[in-house]
Amino acid sequence: MGDKLPENIVQLSTFRINRGKEKHCSCYEWMTFPKKPLAFEFDPKNREVFCRHCGNKIDAFDAMLLCAEQDERRNSELKQLFEQAKELSEYKPWLIRAREFERELRAGMIPICPHCSRGILPEELTRWGNKERELQARKFQKQKEES
């Protein structure tokens, strides 16, 4: 006999037995909140789904259910973020002082002037000024006093 096999004998060395493929993925066990991000590899020819983390097979229904649950979680988080953004856009800090001012007036209190420490009656509030201009004037006055 030589180095070659007879022609009627088929050599099976081109086939490989992969017994690990029958294992099912445990990365997403019982479809609880996955500690790993979802990563699937789809084989459309054989209609199978594999985990990219461990390489094991995943039931197609379980993979679809995991994707749907993740989508629901993301949608609820997104809804919550939109609600927070809406609350932040409606938040007006300058109105807090106005509400406090109104509450104190209704309770019979009046504001006190920070400069002369005398009370200011509501009917004396007849003139209004620009806030930025007043802040600049106070800054200028403070610099003038320091020099």
C-alpha atoms as a PDB file:
ATOM      1  CA  MET A   1       0.000   0.000   0.000  1.00  0.00           C
ATOM      2  CA  GLY A   2       1.116   3.515  -0.721  1.00  0.00           C
ATOM      3  CA  ASP A   3       0.496   6.891   0.795  1.00  0.00           C
ATOM      4  CA  LYS A   4      -2.937   7.216  -0.811  1.00  0.00           C
ATOM      5  CA  LEU A   5      -6.175   5.567   0.251  1.00  0.00           C
ATOM      6  CA  PRO A   6      -8.064   3.524  -2.290  1.00  0.00           C
ATOM      7  CA  GLU A   7     -10.658   5.499  -4.259  1.00  0.00           C
ATOM      8  CA  ASN A   8     -13.633   3.668  -2.791  1.00  0.00           C
ATOM      9  CA  ILE A   9     -12.807   4.888   0.739  1.00  0.00           C
ATOM     10  CA  VAL A  10     -14.063   8.399   1.544  1.00  0.00           C
ATOM     11  CA  GLN A  11     -11.919  10.472   3.839  1.00  0.00           C
ATOM     12  CA  LEU A  12     -13.988  12.302   6.512  1.00  0.00           C
ATOM     13  CA  SER A  13     -11.284  14.659   7.764  1.00  0.00           C
ATOM     14  CA  THR A  14     -13.083  17.616   6.163  1.00  0.00           C
ATOM     15  CA  PHE A  15     -15.981  17.232   8.602  1.00  0.00           C
ATOM     16  CA  ARG A  16     -15.727  18.559  12.098  1.00  0.00           C
ATOM     17  CA  ILE A  17     -17.983  17.626  14.988  1.00  0.00           C
ATOM     18  CA  ASN A  18     -18.841  20.617  17.103  1.00  0.00           C
ATOM     19  CA  ARG A  19     -20.652  19.302  20.133  1.00  0.00           C
ATOM     20  CA  GLY A  20     -20.583  22.691  21.876  1.00  0.00           C
ATOM     21  CA  LYS A  21     -23.114  24.208  19.453  1.00  0.00           C
ATOM     22  CA  GLU A  22     -25.936  22.276  21.071  1.00  0.00           C
ATOM     23  CA  LYS A  23     -25.366  24.077  24.365  1.00  0.00           C
ATOM     24  CA  HIS A  24     -27.796  26.858  24.978  1.00  0.00           C
ATOM     25  CA  CYS A  25     -26.658  30.300  26.018  1.00  0.00           C
ATOM     26  CA  SER A  26     -26.834  31.082  29.726  1.00  0.00           C
ATOM     27  CA  CYS A  27     -25.773  34.731  29.410  1.00  0.00           C
ATOM     28  CA  TYR A  28     -29.424  35.790  29.562  1.00  0.00           C
ATOM     29  CA  GLU A  29     -30.712  33.063  31.882  1.00  0.00           C
ATOM     30  CA  TRP A  30     -34.436  33.253  32.664  1.00  0.00           C
ATOM     31  CA  MET A  31     -34.688  36.479  30.706  1.00  0.00           C
ATOM     32  CA  THR A  32     -33.924  38.644  33.742  1.00  0.00           C
ATOM     33  CA  PHE A  33     -32.251  42.003  33.257  1.00  0.00           C
ATOM     34  CA  PRO A  34     -29.093  41.012  31.400  1.00  0.00           C
ATOM     35  CA  LYS A  35     -25.775  41.947  32.912  1.00  0.00           C
ATOM     36  CA  LYS A  36     -24.309  41.882  29.417  1.00  0.00           C
ATOM     37  CA  PRO A  37     -25.638  43.930  26.521  1.00  0.00           C
ATOM     38  CA  LEU A  38     -27.709  41.966  24.048  1.00  0.00           C
ATOM     39  CA  ALA A  39     -25.513  40.661  21.245  1.00  0.00           C
ATOM     40  CA  PHE A  40     -26.973  38.134  18.851  1.00  0.00           C
ATOM     41  CA  GLU A  41     -25.727  36.631  15.632  1.00  0.00           C
ATOM     42  CA  PHE A  42     -28.410  35.496  13.232  1.00  0.00           C
ATOM     43  CA  ASP A  43     -27.915  32.647  10.790  1.00  0.00           C
ATOM     44  CA  PRO A  44     -30.674  33.187   8.197  1.00  0.00           C
ATOM     45  CA  LYS A  45     -29.729  30.098   6.227  1.00  0.00           C
ATOM     46  CA  ASN A  46     -30.201  27.680   9.135  1.00  0.00           C
ATOM     47  CA  ARG A  47     -32.690  29.968  10.943  1.00  0.00           C
ATOM     48  CA  GLU A  48     -30.687  29.927  14.164  1.00  0.00           C
ATOM     49  CA  VAL A  49     -29.629  32.576  16.655  1.00  0.00           C
ATOM     50  CA  PHE A  50     -26.294  32.529  18.479  1.00  0.00           C
ATOM     51  CA  CYS A  51     -24.942  34.566  21.379  1.00  0.00           C
ATOM     52  CA  ARG A  52     -21.965  36.725  20.451  1.00  0.00           C
ATOM     53  CA  HIS A  53     -20.636  36.532  24.017  1.00  0.00           C
ATOM     54  CA  CYS A  54     -20.391  32.759  24.420  1.00  0.00           C
ATOM     55  CA  GLY A  55     -21.146  31.521  20.897  1.00  0.00           C
ATOM     56  CA  ASN A  56     -23.886  29.169  22.085  1.00  0.00           C
ATOM     57  CA  LYS A  57     -27.303  28.772  20.519  1.00  0.00           C
ATOM     58  CA  ILE A  58     -30.275  30.817  21.748  1.00  0.00           C
ATOM     59  CA  ASP A  59     -33.867  29.938  21.134  1.00  0.00           C
ATOM     60  CA  ALA A  60     -35.229  32.391  18.549  1.00  0.00           C
ATOM     61  CA  PHE A  61     -38.325  33.129  20.642  1.00  0.00           C
ATOM     62  CA  ASP A  62     -36.188  33.883  23.713  1.00  0.00           C
ATOM     63  CA  ALA A  63     -33.988  36.219  21.659  1.00  0.00           C
ATOM     64  CA  MET A  64     -37.049  38.035  20.326  1.00  0.00           C
ATOM     65  CA  LEU A  65     -38.510  38.274  23.844  1.00  0.00           C
ATOM     66  CA  LEU A  66     -35.227  39.676  25.206  1.00  0.00           C
ATOM     67  CA  CYS A  67     -35.152  42.289  22.435  1.00  0.00           C
ATOM     68  CA  ALA A  68     -38.777  43.253  23.138  1.00  0.00           C
ATOM     69  CA  GLU A  69     -38.129  43.564  26.894  1.00  0.00           C
ATOM     70  CA  GLN A  70     -35.052  45.686  26.269  1.00  0.00           C
ATOM     71  CA  ASP A  71     -37.087  47.872  23.914  1.00  0.00           C
ATOM     72  CA  GLU A  72     -39.790  48.309  26.583  1.00  0.00           C
ATOM     73  CA  ARG A  73     -37.148  49.263  29.170  1.00  0.00           C
ATOM     74  CA  ARG A  74     -35.585  51.794  26.808  1.00  0.00           C
ATOM     75  CA  ASN A  75     -38.984  53.269  25.938  1.00  0.00           C
ATOM     76  CA  SER A  76     -39.907  53.690  29.619  1.00  0.00           C
ATOM     77  CA  GLU A  77     -36.503  55.269  30.349  1.00  0.00           C
ATOM     78  CA  LEU A  78     -36.941  57.568  27.361  1.00  0.00           C
ATOM     79  CA  LYS A  79     -40.430  58.542  28.525  1.00  0.00           C
ATOM     80  CA  GLN A  80     -39.049  59.300  31.989  1.00  0.00           C
ATOM     81  CA  LEU A  81     -36.262  61.431  30.485  1.00  0.00           C
ATOM     82  CA  PHE A  82     -38.792  63.371  28.380  1.00  0.00           C
ATOM     83  CA  GLU A  83     -40.894  64.012  31.503  1.00  0.00           C
ATOM     84  CA  GLN A  84     -37.816  65.262  33.378  1.00  0.00           C
ATOM     85  CA  ALA A  85     -36.875  67.500  30.444  1.00  0.00           C
ATOM     86  CA  LYS A  86     -40.412  68.896  30.377  1.00  0.00           C
ATOM     87  CA  GLU A  87     -40.283  69.613  34.125  1.00  0.00           C
ATOM     88  CA  LEU A  88     -36.911  71.323  33.721  1.00  0.00           C
ATOM     89  CA  SER A  89     -38.150  73.419  30.806  1.00  0.00           C
ATOM     90  CA  GLU A  90     -41.167  74.525  32.851  1.00  0.00           C
ATOM     91  CA  TYR A  91     -39.036  75.353  35.903  1.00  0.00           C
ATOM     92  CA  LYS A  92     -38.733  79.087  36.299  1.00  0.00           C
ATOM     93  CA  PRO A  93     -36.603  79.993  39.335  1.00  0.00           C
ATOM     94  CA  TRP A  94     -37.563  83.668  39.201  1.00  0.00           C
ATOM     95  CA  LEU A  95     -41.177  82.711  39.879  1.00  0.00           C
ATOM     96  CA  ILE A  96     -40.195  81.138  43.202  1.00  0.00           C
ATOM     97  CA  ARG A  97     -39.412  84.591  44.633  1.00  0.00           C
ATOM     98  CA  ALA A  98     -42.649  85.979  43.179  1.00  0.00           C
ATOM     99  CA  ARG A  99     -44.662  83.201  44.847  1.00  0.00           C
ATOM    100  CA  GLU A 100     -42.815  83.752  48.144  1.00  0.00           C
ATOM    101  CA  PHE A 101     -43.450  87.506  47.853  1.00  0.00           C
ATOM    102  CA  GLU A 102     -47.175  86.917  47.278  1.00  0.00           C
ATOM    103  CA  ARG A 103     -47.403  84.410  50.165  1.00  0.00           C
ATOM    104  CA  GLU A 104     -45.748  86.858  52.579  1.00  0.00           C
ATOM    105  CA  LEU A 105     -48.011  89.715  51.459  1.00  0.00           C
ATOM    106  CA  ARG A 106     -51.093  87.541  52.037  1.00  0.00           C
ATOM    107  CA  ALA A 107     -49.775  86.726  55.521  1.00  0.00           C
ATOM    108  CA  GLY A 108     -49.641  90.460  56.322  1.00  0.00           C
ATOM    109  CA  MET A 109     -45.883  90.844  55.941  1.00  0.00           C
ATOM    110  CA  ILE A 110     -44.108  93.504  53.861  1.00  0.00           C
ATOM    111  CA  PRO A 111     -40.637  93.434  52.291  1.00  0.00           C
ATOM    112  CA  ILE A 112     -37.769  95.237  54.012  1.00  0.00           C
ATOM    113  CA  CYS A 113     -35.348  97.444  52.105  1.00  0.00           C
ATOM    114  CA  PRO A 114     -31.866  95.859  52.268  1.00  0.00           C
ATOM    115  CA  HIS A 115     -30.234  99.313  52.309  1.00  0.00           C
ATOM    116  CA  CYS A 116     -32.191 101.292  54.892  1.00  0.00           C
ATOM    117  CA  SER A 117     -33.940  98.417  56.724  1.00  0.00           C
ATOM    118  CA  ARG A 118     -37.345 100.077  56.461  1.00  0.00           C
ATOM    119  CA  GLY A 119     -40.487  98.356  55.250  1.00  0.00           C
ATOM    120  CA  ILE A 120     -41.685  98.809  51.667  1.00  0.00           C
ATOM    121  CA  LEU A 121     -45.451  98.956  51.270  1.00  0.00           C
ATOM    122  CA  PRO A 122     -46.909  97.292  48.165  1.00  0.00           C
ATOM    123  CA  GLU A 123     -48.427 100.591  47.013  1.00  0.00           C
ATOM    124  CA  GLU A 124     -44.917 102.114  47.037  1.00  0.00           C
ATOM    125  CA  LEU A 125     -43.796  99.620  44.379  1.00  0.00           C
ATOM    126  CA  THR A 126     -44.696 101.858  41.452  1.00  0.00           C
ATOM    127  CA  ARG A 127     -41.454 101.893  39.476  1.00  0.00           C
ATOM    128  CA  TRP A 128     -39.525  99.030  38.000  1.00  0.00           C
ATOM    129  CA  GLY A 129     -36.003  98.860  36.561  1.00  0.00           C
ATOM    130  CA  ASN A 130     -33.804  96.618  34.466  1.00  0.00           C
ATOM    131  CA  LYS A 131     -32.090  93.962  36.590  1.00  0.00           C
ATOM    132  CA  GLU A 132     -28.892  93.830  34.487  1.00  0.00           C
ATOM    133  CA  ARG A 133     -28.512  97.599  34.551  1.00  0.00           C
ATOM    134  CA  GLU A 134     -28.935  97.643  38.340  1.00  0.00           C
ATOM    135  CA  LEU A 135     -26.350  94.886  38.795  1.00  0.00           C
ATOM    136  CA  GLN A 136     -23.869  96.792  36.607  1.00  0.00           C
ATOM    137  CA  ALA A 137     -24.505 100.003  38.559  1.00  0.00           C
ATOM    138  CA  ARG A 138     -23.921  98.222  41.873  1.00  0.00           C
ATOM    139  CA  LYS A 139     -20.715  96.636  40.552  1.00  0.00           C
ATOM    140  CA  PHE A 140     -19.496 100.034  39.337  1.00  0.00           C
ATOM    141  CA  GLN A 141     -20.373 101.628  42.699  1.00  0.00           C
ATOM    142  CA  LYS A 142     -18.507  98.884  44.583  1.00  0.00           C
ATOM    143  CA  GLN A 143     -15.385  99.330  42.403  1.00  0.00           C
ATOM    144  CA  LYS A 144     -15.583 103.093  42.917  1.00  0.00           C
ATOM    145  CA  GLU A 145     -15.747 102.687  46.703  1.00  0.00           C
ATOM    146  CA  GLU A 146     -12.778 100.275  46.735  1.00  0.00           C
ATOM    147  CA  SER A 147     -10.495 102.619  44.797  1.00  0.00           C
END
